[in-house]
N, C-alpha and C. Protein backbone atom coordinates (compact mmCIF):
# COMPACT_ATOMS: atom_id res chain seq x y z
N MET A 1 -8.96 27.95 -0.03
CA MET A 1 -9.08 27.79 -1.48
C MET A 1 -10.07 26.72 -1.79
N ALA A 2 -11.06 26.94 -2.59
CA ALA A 2 -12.13 25.94 -2.82
C ALA A 2 -11.45 24.66 -3.64
N THR A 3 -11.95 23.54 -3.32
CA THR A 3 -11.46 22.33 -3.90
C THR A 3 -12.27 22.14 -5.16
N ARG A 4 -11.53 21.54 -6.29
CA ARG A 4 -12.18 21.31 -7.51
C ARG A 4 -12.86 19.99 -7.51
N SER A 5 -14.03 19.85 -8.10
CA SER A 5 -14.74 18.64 -8.37
C SER A 5 -14.50 18.12 -9.68
N VAL A 6 -14.76 16.85 -9.98
CA VAL A 6 -14.57 16.24 -11.33
C VAL A 6 -15.68 15.34 -11.73
N VAL A 7 -15.91 15.30 -13.01
CA VAL A 7 -16.71 14.33 -13.68
C VAL A 7 -15.71 13.65 -14.79
N MET A 8 -15.99 12.32 -15.11
CA MET A 8 -15.08 11.65 -15.98
C MET A 8 -15.93 11.35 -17.17
N TYR A 9 -15.31 11.36 -18.39
CA TYR A 9 -16.05 10.93 -19.57
C TYR A 9 -15.26 10.16 -20.57
N HIS A 10 -15.89 9.38 -21.38
CA HIS A 10 -15.21 8.80 -22.54
C HIS A 10 -16.18 8.63 -23.73
N PHE A 11 -15.71 8.66 -24.86
CA PHE A 11 -16.55 8.46 -26.06
C PHE A 11 -16.89 7.02 -26.35
N GLU A 12 -18.26 6.75 -26.65
CA GLU A 12 -18.62 5.39 -26.85
C GLU A 12 -17.81 4.72 -27.88
N ILE A 13 -17.46 5.27 -29.03
CA ILE A 13 -16.85 4.68 -30.00
C ILE A 13 -15.49 4.26 -29.70
N SER A 14 -14.76 5.01 -28.88
CA SER A 14 -13.42 4.74 -28.52
C SER A 14 -13.33 3.59 -27.29
N LYS A 15 -14.13 3.81 -26.37
CA LYS A 15 -14.14 3.03 -25.10
C LYS A 15 -12.88 3.09 -24.48
N LYS A 16 -12.23 4.31 -24.46
CA LYS A 16 -10.92 4.56 -23.92
C LYS A 16 -11.12 4.86 -22.47
N VAL A 17 -9.98 5.21 -21.79
CA VAL A 17 -9.92 5.62 -20.37
C VAL A 17 -10.51 6.97 -20.41
N ASN A 18 -11.13 7.34 -19.04
CA ASN A 18 -11.81 8.46 -18.98
C ASN A 18 -10.99 9.63 -19.03
N LYS A 19 -11.48 10.74 -19.46
CA LYS A 19 -10.97 12.11 -19.48
C LYS A 19 -11.65 12.88 -18.30
N ARG A 20 -10.89 14.02 -17.75
CA ARG A 20 -11.57 14.65 -16.65
C ARG A 20 -12.05 16.01 -17.02
N ILE A 21 -13.13 16.43 -16.31
CA ILE A 21 -13.56 17.72 -16.44
C ILE A 21 -13.71 18.34 -15.04
N GLN A 22 -12.94 19.29 -14.63
CA GLN A 22 -12.85 19.88 -13.39
C GLN A 22 -13.76 21.19 -13.25
N PHE A 23 -14.31 21.32 -12.13
CA PHE A 23 -15.25 22.46 -11.82
C PHE A 23 -15.26 22.76 -10.37
N TYR A 24 -15.79 23.89 -9.91
CA TYR A 24 -16.02 24.13 -8.57
C TYR A 24 -17.55 23.88 -8.13
N GLY A 25 -17.78 23.39 -7.01
CA GLY A 25 -19.18 23.02 -6.63
C GLY A 25 -19.40 21.59 -6.54
N LYS A 26 -20.68 21.16 -6.25
CA LYS A 26 -21.13 19.80 -6.18
C LYS A 26 -21.63 19.29 -7.44
N SER A 27 -22.01 20.06 -8.41
CA SER A 27 -22.56 19.66 -9.74
C SER A 27 -22.25 20.62 -10.81
N ILE A 28 -22.45 20.10 -11.99
CA ILE A 28 -22.25 20.77 -13.23
C ILE A 28 -23.30 20.62 -14.21
N THR A 29 -23.74 21.48 -15.04
CA THR A 29 -24.86 21.19 -16.04
C THR A 29 -24.38 20.43 -17.29
N ALA A 30 -25.29 19.73 -17.92
CA ALA A 30 -25.02 18.98 -19.21
C ALA A 30 -24.47 19.95 -20.23
N SER A 31 -25.06 21.20 -20.38
CA SER A 31 -24.47 22.09 -21.28
C SER A 31 -23.11 22.57 -21.05
N GLU A 32 -22.63 22.77 -19.80
CA GLU A 32 -21.32 23.04 -19.39
C GLU A 32 -20.39 21.78 -19.65
N VAL A 33 -20.81 20.65 -19.41
CA VAL A 33 -19.93 19.47 -19.61
C VAL A 33 -19.69 19.37 -21.19
N ILE A 34 -20.62 19.56 -22.03
CA ILE A 34 -20.57 19.58 -23.61
C ILE A 34 -19.55 20.63 -23.94
N GLY A 35 -19.71 21.87 -23.27
CA GLY A 35 -18.83 22.99 -23.72
C GLY A 35 -17.32 22.47 -23.42
N GLU A 36 -17.15 21.95 -22.20
CA GLU A 36 -15.87 21.71 -21.84
C GLU A 36 -15.19 20.57 -22.62
N ILE A 37 -16.06 19.53 -23.06
CA ILE A 37 -15.56 18.45 -23.91
C ILE A 37 -15.15 19.22 -25.30
N LEU A 38 -15.86 20.03 -25.79
CA LEU A 38 -15.49 20.73 -27.11
C LEU A 38 -14.21 21.54 -27.00
N LYS A 39 -13.97 22.03 -25.76
CA LYS A 39 -12.69 22.85 -25.47
C LYS A 39 -11.55 21.85 -25.53
N GLN A 40 -11.70 20.74 -24.92
CA GLN A 40 -10.74 19.79 -24.64
C GLN A 40 -10.33 19.10 -26.00
N ARG A 41 -11.34 18.80 -26.76
CA ARG A 41 -10.98 17.99 -28.00
C ARG A 41 -10.63 18.93 -29.09
N LYS A 42 -11.11 20.24 -29.10
CA LYS A 42 -10.75 21.17 -30.16
C LYS A 42 -11.22 20.55 -31.62
N ASP A 43 -12.36 19.78 -31.50
CA ASP A 43 -12.86 19.24 -32.77
C ASP A 43 -13.91 20.10 -33.32
N SER A 44 -14.31 19.95 -34.51
CA SER A 44 -15.31 20.76 -35.22
C SER A 44 -16.79 20.28 -35.05
N PHE A 45 -17.02 19.69 -33.84
CA PHE A 45 -18.27 19.13 -33.56
C PHE A 45 -19.25 20.34 -33.45
N ASP A 46 -20.49 20.02 -33.79
CA ASP A 46 -21.60 20.90 -33.34
C ASP A 46 -21.97 20.58 -31.97
N ARG A 47 -22.44 21.67 -31.24
CA ARG A 47 -22.70 21.29 -29.79
C ARG A 47 -23.88 20.24 -29.64
N ASP A 48 -24.88 20.41 -30.68
CA ASP A 48 -25.91 19.47 -30.64
C ASP A 48 -25.73 18.06 -31.25
N GLU A 49 -24.50 17.80 -31.59
CA GLU A 49 -24.05 16.43 -31.96
C GLU A 49 -23.76 15.65 -30.92
N LEU A 50 -23.41 16.10 -29.76
CA LEU A 50 -22.94 15.29 -28.50
C LEU A 50 -24.04 15.05 -27.63
N HIS A 51 -24.15 13.95 -27.33
CA HIS A 51 -25.11 13.45 -26.27
C HIS A 51 -24.30 12.77 -25.10
N ILE A 52 -24.76 13.11 -23.82
CA ILE A 52 -24.01 12.42 -22.74
C ILE A 52 -24.97 11.66 -21.86
N PHE A 53 -24.54 10.48 -21.45
CA PHE A 53 -25.20 9.57 -20.71
C PHE A 53 -24.42 9.12 -19.50
N ASP A 54 -25.27 8.79 -18.42
CA ASP A 54 -24.64 8.22 -17.13
C ASP A 54 -24.25 6.84 -17.44
N VAL A 55 -23.06 6.42 -17.24
CA VAL A 55 -22.57 5.03 -17.53
C VAL A 55 -23.34 4.08 -16.79
N GLN A 56 -23.64 4.36 -15.54
CA GLN A 56 -24.23 3.27 -14.63
C GLN A 56 -25.78 3.19 -14.83
N THR A 57 -26.42 4.24 -15.09
CA THR A 57 -27.81 4.22 -15.24
C THR A 57 -28.35 4.27 -16.71
N GLY A 58 -27.50 4.80 -17.54
CA GLY A 58 -27.95 5.06 -18.92
C GLY A 58 -28.82 6.23 -19.12
N HIS A 59 -29.08 7.12 -18.11
CA HIS A 59 -29.73 8.21 -18.14
C HIS A 59 -29.10 9.29 -18.97
N GLU A 60 -29.73 9.96 -19.96
CA GLU A 60 -29.23 11.00 -20.77
C GLU A 60 -29.38 12.44 -20.05
N TYR A 61 -28.41 13.04 -19.97
CA TYR A 61 -28.41 14.46 -19.39
C TYR A 61 -28.47 15.44 -20.51
N VAL A 62 -29.43 16.43 -20.37
CA VAL A 62 -29.48 17.49 -21.47
C VAL A 62 -29.66 18.88 -20.80
N GLY A 63 -29.12 19.88 -21.67
CA GLY A 63 -29.53 21.24 -21.13
C GLY A 63 -28.89 21.65 -19.79
N SER A 64 -29.87 22.01 -18.97
CA SER A 64 -29.53 22.48 -17.50
C SER A 64 -29.69 21.34 -16.60
N ASP A 65 -29.69 20.07 -17.06
CA ASP A 65 -29.72 18.96 -16.06
C ASP A 65 -28.37 19.09 -15.26
N SER A 66 -28.52 18.73 -13.97
CA SER A 66 -27.39 18.71 -13.17
C SER A 66 -26.69 17.35 -13.06
N ILE A 67 -25.31 17.37 -13.17
CA ILE A 67 -24.61 16.13 -13.09
C ILE A 67 -23.69 16.30 -11.76
N THR A 68 -23.91 15.48 -10.92
CA THR A 68 -23.07 15.44 -9.61
C THR A 68 -21.59 15.08 -9.85
N LYS A 69 -20.80 15.59 -8.84
CA LYS A 69 -19.18 15.28 -9.06
C LYS A 69 -19.13 13.83 -8.94
N ASN A 70 -17.97 13.35 -9.61
CA ASN A 70 -17.54 11.86 -9.54
C ASN A 70 -18.40 11.10 -10.44
N THR A 71 -19.32 11.62 -11.43
CA THR A 71 -20.04 10.87 -12.14
C THR A 71 -19.23 10.44 -13.35
N TYR A 72 -19.59 9.17 -13.91
CA TYR A 72 -18.81 8.68 -14.98
C TYR A 72 -19.81 8.82 -16.19
N LEU A 73 -19.37 9.48 -17.26
CA LEU A 73 -20.21 9.72 -18.39
C LEU A 73 -19.87 9.07 -19.68
N CYS A 74 -20.70 8.65 -20.55
CA CYS A 74 -20.46 8.13 -21.85
C CYS A 74 -20.94 9.14 -22.88
N VAL A 75 -20.04 9.55 -23.79
CA VAL A 75 -20.43 10.63 -24.74
C VAL A 75 -20.68 9.84 -26.15
N LYS A 76 -21.92 10.18 -26.58
CA LYS A 76 -22.17 9.53 -28.04
C LYS A 76 -22.43 10.68 -29.00
N ARG A 77 -21.83 10.56 -30.25
CA ARG A 77 -21.90 11.50 -31.21
C ARG A 77 -22.80 11.20 -32.29
N LEU A 78 -23.84 12.02 -32.60
CA LEU A 78 -24.81 11.83 -33.55
C LEU A 78 -24.63 13.06 -34.62
N PRO A 79 -23.87 12.90 -35.83
CA PRO A 79 -23.57 14.00 -36.59
C PRO A 79 -24.95 14.68 -37.21
N ARG A 80 -24.92 15.81 -37.55
CA ARG A 80 -26.05 16.61 -38.11
C ARG A 80 -26.64 15.72 -39.22
N SER A 81 -25.83 15.37 -40.11
CA SER A 81 -26.26 14.58 -41.35
C SER A 81 -27.05 13.29 -41.05
N ALA A 82 -26.48 12.68 -40.06
CA ALA A 82 -27.22 11.44 -39.64
C ALA A 82 -28.53 11.74 -38.93
N ARG A 83 -28.62 12.75 -38.22
CA ARG A 83 -30.00 13.18 -37.62
C ARG A 83 -30.92 13.49 -38.81
N GLN A 84 -30.45 14.37 -39.70
CA GLN A 84 -31.25 14.81 -40.87
C GLN A 84 -31.78 13.57 -41.55
N MET A 85 -30.89 12.67 -41.84
CA MET A 85 -31.24 11.37 -42.56
C MET A 85 -32.39 10.67 -41.88
N VAL A 86 -32.23 10.53 -40.49
CA VAL A 86 -33.23 9.94 -39.67
C VAL A 86 -34.53 10.59 -39.84
N ILE A 87 -34.54 11.96 -39.74
CA ILE A 87 -35.74 12.73 -39.82
C ILE A 87 -36.40 12.56 -41.16
N LYS A 88 -35.71 12.59 -42.22
CA LYS A 88 -36.16 12.32 -43.60
C LYS A 88 -36.81 11.02 -43.66
N LYS A 89 -36.15 9.97 -43.27
CA LYS A 89 -36.74 8.58 -43.22
C LYS A 89 -38.14 8.58 -42.71
N ILE A 90 -38.19 9.26 -41.57
CA ILE A 90 -39.37 9.22 -40.74
C ILE A 90 -40.51 9.94 -41.44
N ARG A 91 -40.17 11.09 -42.07
CA ARG A 91 -41.11 11.94 -42.70
C ARG A 91 -41.50 11.36 -44.05
N LYS A 92 -40.60 10.58 -44.76
CA LYS A 92 -40.89 10.15 -46.05
C LYS A 92 -42.10 9.09 -46.11
N VAL A 93 -42.95 9.42 -47.09
CA VAL A 93 -44.10 8.50 -47.23
C VAL A 93 -44.12 7.91 -48.51
N ASP A 94 -44.31 6.57 -48.68
CA ASP A 94 -44.36 5.84 -49.97
C ASP A 94 -45.71 6.02 -50.59
N SER A 95 -45.87 6.77 -51.63
CA SER A 95 -47.18 6.93 -52.23
C SER A 95 -47.77 5.84 -52.81
N SER A 96 -47.06 4.91 -53.14
CA SER A 96 -47.43 3.50 -53.73
C SER A 96 -48.15 2.75 -52.65
N VAL A 97 -47.97 2.97 -51.41
CA VAL A 97 -48.63 2.20 -50.36
C VAL A 97 -49.82 2.88 -49.79
N LYS A 98 -50.92 2.31 -49.92
CA LYS A 98 -52.17 3.01 -49.45
C LYS A 98 -52.18 2.83 -47.88
N PRO A 99 -52.64 3.84 -47.16
CA PRO A 99 -52.71 3.70 -45.69
C PRO A 99 -53.77 2.66 -45.31
N THR A 100 -53.37 1.95 -44.31
CA THR A 100 -54.32 0.82 -43.88
C THR A 100 -55.25 1.32 -42.75
N LYS A 101 -56.47 0.85 -42.78
CA LYS A 101 -57.40 1.20 -41.76
C LYS A 101 -56.94 0.59 -40.44
N PRO A 102 -57.10 1.39 -39.37
CA PRO A 102 -56.88 0.69 -38.01
C PRO A 102 -57.84 -0.33 -37.64
N LEU A 103 -57.31 -1.27 -36.95
CA LEU A 103 -58.19 -2.41 -36.49
C LEU A 103 -59.06 -1.97 -35.53
N PRO A 104 -60.29 -2.69 -35.70
CA PRO A 104 -61.26 -2.35 -34.49
C PRO A 104 -60.64 -2.72 -33.17
N ILE A 105 -61.13 -1.89 -32.16
CA ILE A 105 -60.48 -2.20 -30.83
C ILE A 105 -60.74 -3.60 -30.26
N THR A 106 -61.79 -4.15 -30.82
CA THR A 106 -62.08 -5.62 -30.28
C THR A 106 -61.03 -6.56 -30.99
N LEU A 107 -60.28 -6.27 -32.08
CA LEU A 107 -59.42 -7.08 -32.82
C LEU A 107 -58.07 -6.86 -32.36
N GLU A 108 -57.77 -5.66 -31.67
CA GLU A 108 -56.37 -5.50 -31.34
C GLU A 108 -55.95 -6.50 -30.25
N GLN A 109 -54.84 -7.06 -30.50
CA GLN A 109 -54.26 -7.97 -29.50
C GLN A 109 -53.00 -7.41 -28.91
N PRO A 110 -52.91 -7.34 -27.55
CA PRO A 110 -51.68 -6.92 -26.83
C PRO A 110 -50.61 -7.97 -27.07
N ILE A 111 -49.24 -7.50 -27.04
CA ILE A 111 -48.15 -8.31 -27.28
C ILE A 111 -47.83 -8.92 -25.83
N VAL A 112 -47.84 -10.03 -25.73
CA VAL A 112 -47.54 -10.77 -24.39
C VAL A 112 -46.28 -11.49 -24.46
N LEU A 113 -45.37 -11.16 -23.65
CA LEU A 113 -44.07 -11.93 -23.58
C LEU A 113 -44.06 -12.99 -22.54
N THR A 114 -43.64 -14.14 -22.83
CA THR A 114 -43.51 -15.30 -21.91
C THR A 114 -42.43 -14.93 -20.85
N GLU A 115 -42.47 -15.74 -19.82
CA GLU A 115 -41.52 -15.46 -18.60
C GLU A 115 -40.21 -15.64 -19.05
N GLU A 116 -39.96 -16.53 -19.99
CA GLU A 116 -38.52 -16.98 -20.56
C GLU A 116 -37.95 -15.70 -21.32
N GLN A 117 -38.90 -15.18 -22.08
CA GLN A 117 -38.51 -13.93 -22.92
C GLN A 117 -38.29 -12.74 -22.17
N ILE A 118 -39.01 -12.54 -21.10
CA ILE A 118 -38.84 -11.44 -20.12
C ILE A 118 -37.47 -11.73 -19.36
N ALA A 119 -37.34 -12.93 -18.90
CA ALA A 119 -35.98 -13.19 -18.30
C ALA A 119 -34.81 -13.02 -19.08
N LYS A 120 -34.83 -13.37 -20.38
CA LYS A 120 -33.82 -13.19 -21.43
C LYS A 120 -33.57 -11.82 -21.72
N LYS A 121 -34.65 -11.01 -21.82
CA LYS A 121 -34.39 -9.58 -22.11
C LYS A 121 -33.77 -8.85 -20.99
N LYS A 122 -34.21 -9.12 -19.72
CA LYS A 122 -33.60 -8.60 -18.41
C LYS A 122 -32.14 -8.86 -18.48
N ALA A 123 -31.73 -10.23 -18.77
CA ALA A 123 -30.36 -10.75 -18.69
C ALA A 123 -29.48 -9.93 -19.67
N GLU A 124 -30.01 -9.73 -20.86
CA GLU A 124 -29.33 -9.05 -21.89
C GLU A 124 -29.05 -7.48 -21.56
N GLU A 125 -30.18 -6.96 -20.97
CA GLU A 125 -29.99 -5.54 -20.51
C GLU A 125 -29.07 -5.53 -19.39
N GLU A 126 -29.02 -6.45 -18.46
CA GLU A 126 -28.02 -6.40 -17.38
C GLU A 126 -26.59 -6.52 -17.83
N LYS A 127 -26.46 -7.40 -18.71
CA LYS A 127 -25.11 -7.69 -19.43
C LYS A 127 -24.64 -6.48 -20.15
N LYS A 128 -25.49 -5.84 -20.82
CA LYS A 128 -25.12 -4.53 -21.49
C LYS A 128 -24.67 -3.44 -20.49
N LYS A 129 -25.46 -3.35 -19.43
CA LYS A 129 -25.21 -2.38 -18.39
C LYS A 129 -23.81 -2.71 -17.70
N ILE A 130 -23.57 -3.89 -17.50
CA ILE A 130 -22.25 -4.29 -16.78
C ILE A 130 -21.14 -3.96 -17.77
N GLY A 131 -21.41 -4.33 -19.03
CA GLY A 131 -20.24 -4.17 -20.01
C GLY A 131 -19.90 -2.68 -20.14
N ASN A 132 -20.91 -1.68 -20.18
CA ASN A 132 -20.79 -0.30 -20.28
C ASN A 132 -19.96 0.16 -19.08
N GLU A 133 -20.27 -0.33 -17.82
CA GLU A 133 -19.68 0.02 -16.60
C GLU A 133 -18.16 -0.34 -16.65
N LYS A 134 -17.98 -1.71 -17.15
CA LYS A 134 -16.62 -2.15 -17.23
C LYS A 134 -15.67 -1.24 -18.19
N ASN A 135 -16.40 -0.89 -19.35
CA ASN A 135 -15.55 -0.08 -20.28
C ASN A 135 -15.18 1.21 -19.71
N SER A 136 -15.93 1.72 -18.83
CA SER A 136 -15.59 3.15 -18.27
C SER A 136 -14.51 3.10 -17.06
N LEU A 137 -14.13 1.68 -16.90
CA LEU A 137 -13.06 1.42 -15.89
C LEU A 137 -11.85 0.85 -16.49
N LEU A 138 -11.87 0.98 -17.90
CA LEU A 138 -10.54 0.37 -18.50
C LEU A 138 -9.51 1.34 -18.79
N CYS A 139 -8.24 0.83 -18.56
CA CYS A 139 -7.11 1.79 -18.80
C CYS A 139 -6.87 1.75 -20.39
N GLU A 140 -6.13 2.59 -20.88
CA GLU A 140 -5.74 2.80 -22.25
C GLU A 140 -5.28 1.53 -22.79
N CYS A 141 -4.54 0.81 -21.90
CA CYS A 141 -3.94 -0.56 -22.37
C CYS A 141 -4.95 -1.68 -22.45
N GLY A 142 -6.12 -1.52 -21.96
CA GLY A 142 -7.23 -2.56 -22.13
C GLY A 142 -7.59 -3.22 -20.81
N ASN A 143 -6.60 -3.01 -19.81
CA ASN A 143 -6.86 -3.63 -18.46
C ASN A 143 -7.69 -2.72 -17.54
N LEU A 144 -8.26 -3.44 -16.55
CA LEU A 144 -8.99 -2.60 -15.59
C LEU A 144 -8.10 -1.62 -14.80
N LEU A 145 -8.59 -0.54 -14.41
CA LEU A 145 -7.76 0.50 -13.68
C LEU A 145 -7.51 0.12 -12.28
N LYS A 146 -6.82 -1.03 -12.02
CA LYS A 146 -6.44 -1.36 -10.69
C LYS A 146 -5.32 -0.63 -10.23
N GLY A 147 -5.31 -0.14 -9.07
CA GLY A 147 -4.15 0.74 -8.53
C GLY A 147 -4.25 1.96 -9.43
N ALA A 148 -5.30 2.57 -9.73
CA ALA A 148 -5.32 3.67 -10.63
C ALA A 148 -4.47 4.84 -10.11
N VAL A 149 -3.81 5.53 -11.02
CA VAL A 149 -3.05 6.69 -10.76
C VAL A 149 -3.17 7.62 -11.91
N ILE A 150 -3.09 9.08 -11.66
CA ILE A 150 -3.19 10.03 -12.79
C ILE A 150 -1.67 10.30 -13.09
N CYS A 151 -1.58 10.22 -14.52
CA CYS A 151 -0.28 10.69 -14.96
C CYS A 151 -0.23 12.17 -15.12
N LEU A 152 0.58 12.88 -14.51
CA LEU A 152 0.64 14.36 -14.30
C LEU A 152 1.15 14.92 -15.62
N ASN A 153 1.63 14.08 -16.60
CA ASN A 153 2.15 14.57 -17.75
C ASN A 153 1.05 15.04 -18.72
N CYS A 154 -0.05 14.20 -18.68
CA CYS A 154 -1.15 14.32 -19.63
C CYS A 154 -2.47 14.39 -18.92
N GLY A 155 -2.50 14.01 -17.65
CA GLY A 155 -3.85 14.12 -16.93
C GLY A 155 -4.80 12.92 -17.09
N ASP A 156 -4.25 11.91 -17.77
CA ASP A 156 -4.97 10.58 -17.96
C ASP A 156 -4.79 9.71 -16.88
N THR A 157 -5.80 8.75 -16.60
CA THR A 157 -5.62 7.81 -15.58
C THR A 157 -5.20 6.49 -16.07
N ILE A 158 -4.32 5.91 -15.46
CA ILE A 158 -3.62 4.68 -15.97
C ILE A 158 -3.59 3.68 -14.79
N CYS A 159 -3.36 2.42 -15.19
CA CYS A 159 -3.38 1.22 -14.16
C CYS A 159 -1.99 0.98 -13.56
N GLU A 160 -2.01 0.11 -12.56
CA GLU A 160 -0.79 -0.12 -11.94
C GLU A 160 0.20 -0.85 -12.76
N LYS A 161 -0.32 -1.73 -13.83
CA LYS A 161 0.56 -2.46 -14.71
C LYS A 161 1.29 -1.41 -15.48
N CYS A 162 0.75 -0.38 -15.99
CA CYS A 162 1.36 0.55 -16.88
C CYS A 162 2.38 1.38 -16.00
N LEU A 163 2.12 1.57 -14.80
CA LEU A 163 2.94 2.30 -13.85
C LEU A 163 4.19 1.42 -13.58
N GLU A 164 3.97 0.14 -13.48
CA GLU A 164 5.12 -0.77 -13.35
C GLU A 164 6.11 -0.77 -14.57
N LYS A 165 5.51 -0.75 -15.82
CA LYS A 165 6.17 -0.80 -16.99
C LYS A 165 6.86 0.54 -17.22
N GLY A 166 6.33 1.72 -16.53
CA GLY A 166 7.05 2.92 -16.66
C GLY A 166 6.78 3.80 -17.83
N ILE A 167 5.58 3.42 -18.54
CA ILE A 167 5.28 4.15 -19.83
C ILE A 167 3.75 4.45 -19.79
N CYS A 168 3.34 5.81 -19.94
CA CYS A 168 1.90 6.04 -19.99
C CYS A 168 1.44 5.61 -21.41
N PRO A 169 0.34 4.87 -21.50
CA PRO A 169 -0.15 4.41 -22.80
C PRO A 169 -0.87 5.53 -23.47
N SER A 170 -1.16 6.59 -22.89
CA SER A 170 -1.93 7.71 -23.46
C SER A 170 -0.92 8.64 -24.21
N CYS A 171 0.18 9.12 -23.52
CA CYS A 171 1.13 10.12 -23.91
C CYS A 171 2.51 9.60 -24.22
N ASN A 172 2.66 8.31 -23.91
CA ASN A 172 4.01 7.65 -24.19
C ASN A 172 5.11 8.20 -23.46
N GLU A 173 4.82 9.00 -22.49
CA GLU A 173 5.85 9.49 -21.60
C GLU A 173 6.25 8.61 -20.51
N GLU A 174 7.58 8.73 -20.00
CA GLU A 174 7.82 7.85 -18.85
C GLU A 174 7.09 8.25 -17.55
N VAL A 175 6.72 7.30 -16.85
CA VAL A 175 5.89 7.44 -15.59
C VAL A 175 6.58 6.77 -14.39
N ASN A 176 6.47 7.44 -13.15
CA ASN A 176 6.92 6.82 -11.98
C ASN A 176 6.11 7.48 -10.83
N GLU A 177 6.57 7.05 -9.66
CA GLU A 177 5.86 7.52 -8.33
C GLU A 177 5.92 9.04 -8.29
N ASP A 178 7.00 9.57 -8.85
CA ASP A 178 7.08 11.14 -8.76
C ASP A 178 6.17 11.91 -9.64
N ASN A 179 5.94 11.34 -10.72
CA ASN A 179 5.10 12.25 -11.65
C ASN A 179 3.69 11.56 -11.88
N THR A 180 3.22 10.80 -10.83
CA THR A 180 1.83 10.20 -10.89
C THR A 180 1.29 10.56 -9.42
N SER A 181 0.01 10.43 -9.45
CA SER A 181 -0.88 10.64 -8.18
C SER A 181 -1.94 9.54 -7.98
N PRO A 182 -2.00 8.98 -6.86
CA PRO A 182 -3.13 8.01 -6.72
C PRO A 182 -4.50 8.55 -6.99
N LYS A 183 -5.32 7.89 -7.68
CA LYS A 183 -6.70 8.05 -8.00
C LYS A 183 -7.64 7.19 -7.16
N GLN A 184 -7.93 7.67 -5.93
CA GLN A 184 -8.46 6.81 -5.03
C GLN A 184 -9.98 6.42 -5.43
N GLU A 185 -10.80 7.46 -5.94
CA GLU A 185 -12.08 7.24 -6.32
C GLU A 185 -12.28 6.20 -7.36
N VAL A 186 -11.29 6.20 -8.33
CA VAL A 186 -11.28 5.20 -9.39
C VAL A 186 -10.95 3.78 -8.92
N ARG A 187 -10.03 3.84 -7.97
CA ARG A 187 -9.64 2.55 -7.28
C ARG A 187 -10.76 1.89 -6.60
N ASP A 188 -11.52 2.80 -5.94
CA ASP A 188 -12.65 2.29 -5.22
C ASP A 188 -13.76 1.73 -6.14
N CYS A 189 -13.99 2.33 -7.26
CA CYS A 189 -14.96 1.96 -8.20
C CYS A 189 -14.58 0.61 -8.86
N VAL A 190 -13.26 0.52 -9.18
CA VAL A 190 -12.73 -0.82 -9.74
C VAL A 190 -12.94 -1.95 -8.68
N GLU A 191 -12.58 -1.80 -7.34
CA GLU A 191 -12.61 -2.80 -6.48
C GLU A 191 -14.24 -3.15 -6.18
N GLU A 192 -15.05 -2.12 -6.32
CA GLU A 192 -16.53 -2.49 -6.05
C GLU A 192 -16.96 -3.29 -7.30
N PHE A 193 -16.51 -2.97 -8.56
CA PHE A 193 -16.91 -3.64 -9.62
C PHE A 193 -16.42 -5.18 -9.57
N ILE A 194 -15.30 -5.28 -9.19
CA ILE A 194 -14.62 -6.63 -9.10
C ILE A 194 -15.49 -7.55 -8.17
N LYS A 195 -15.98 -7.02 -6.94
CA LYS A 195 -16.68 -7.70 -6.04
C LYS A 195 -18.12 -8.07 -6.50
N LYS A 196 -18.76 -6.99 -7.13
CA LYS A 196 -20.12 -7.16 -7.61
C LYS A 196 -20.04 -8.25 -8.83
N TYR A 197 -19.09 -8.03 -9.78
CA TYR A 197 -19.11 -8.91 -11.13
C TYR A 197 -17.96 -9.58 -11.18
N PRO A 198 -17.52 -10.55 -10.48
CA PRO A 198 -16.25 -11.31 -10.62
C PRO A 198 -16.15 -12.08 -12.00
N ASP A 199 -17.36 -12.47 -12.41
CA ASP A 199 -17.38 -13.32 -13.64
C ASP A 199 -17.07 -12.35 -14.90
N PHE A 200 -17.15 -10.99 -14.68
CA PHE A 200 -16.77 -10.12 -15.83
C PHE A 200 -15.34 -9.70 -15.75
N VAL A 201 -14.55 -10.21 -14.80
CA VAL A 201 -13.16 -9.89 -14.65
C VAL A 201 -12.19 -10.90 -15.05
N GLU A 202 -11.35 -10.61 -16.02
CA GLU A 202 -10.31 -11.70 -16.49
C GLU A 202 -9.18 -11.78 -15.39
N ASN A 203 -8.72 -12.91 -15.15
CA ASN A 203 -7.70 -13.12 -14.24
C ASN A 203 -6.35 -12.70 -14.92
């Protein structure tokens, strides 16, 4: 019997624990992932409202793009009305403002950033990237998913502290070693994150 592969996702606005999408094979397309998200949530989203990004790289997957198993995804929703508003703003031209003539090539000056500005920008981008990665590894209770296990009642991943308390923060059902299963790949990701970014981990 073929083994099922998984990708994990969470919505940017909620920053909650990851949900699972199971499939057969080594990869799944972006369109298939969006279809599965719509099935799981049973919301009235339009397919083209959802945009999915790789948590670690920030790369957006669209259409037939392949997403390999065990990838962590961040889902962003851009409602149709918001997209139309953006398009209208872009297309709208204020007739009271006369178009300006382009500067001669000789007068155009390139924007040059100082080394300090470049370093600051890189630091901000790195901090944002680390923050996104950390958010993808948080339990519903807000703690890192140390000792991660899957709650077989609802399929969500919870941390060892929630297991010790005996209550799943997602479904509020009792949990113990009999109705949970270790989530080794998540545990490995958490351990790697702690080693790489100890300053971003609360004691």
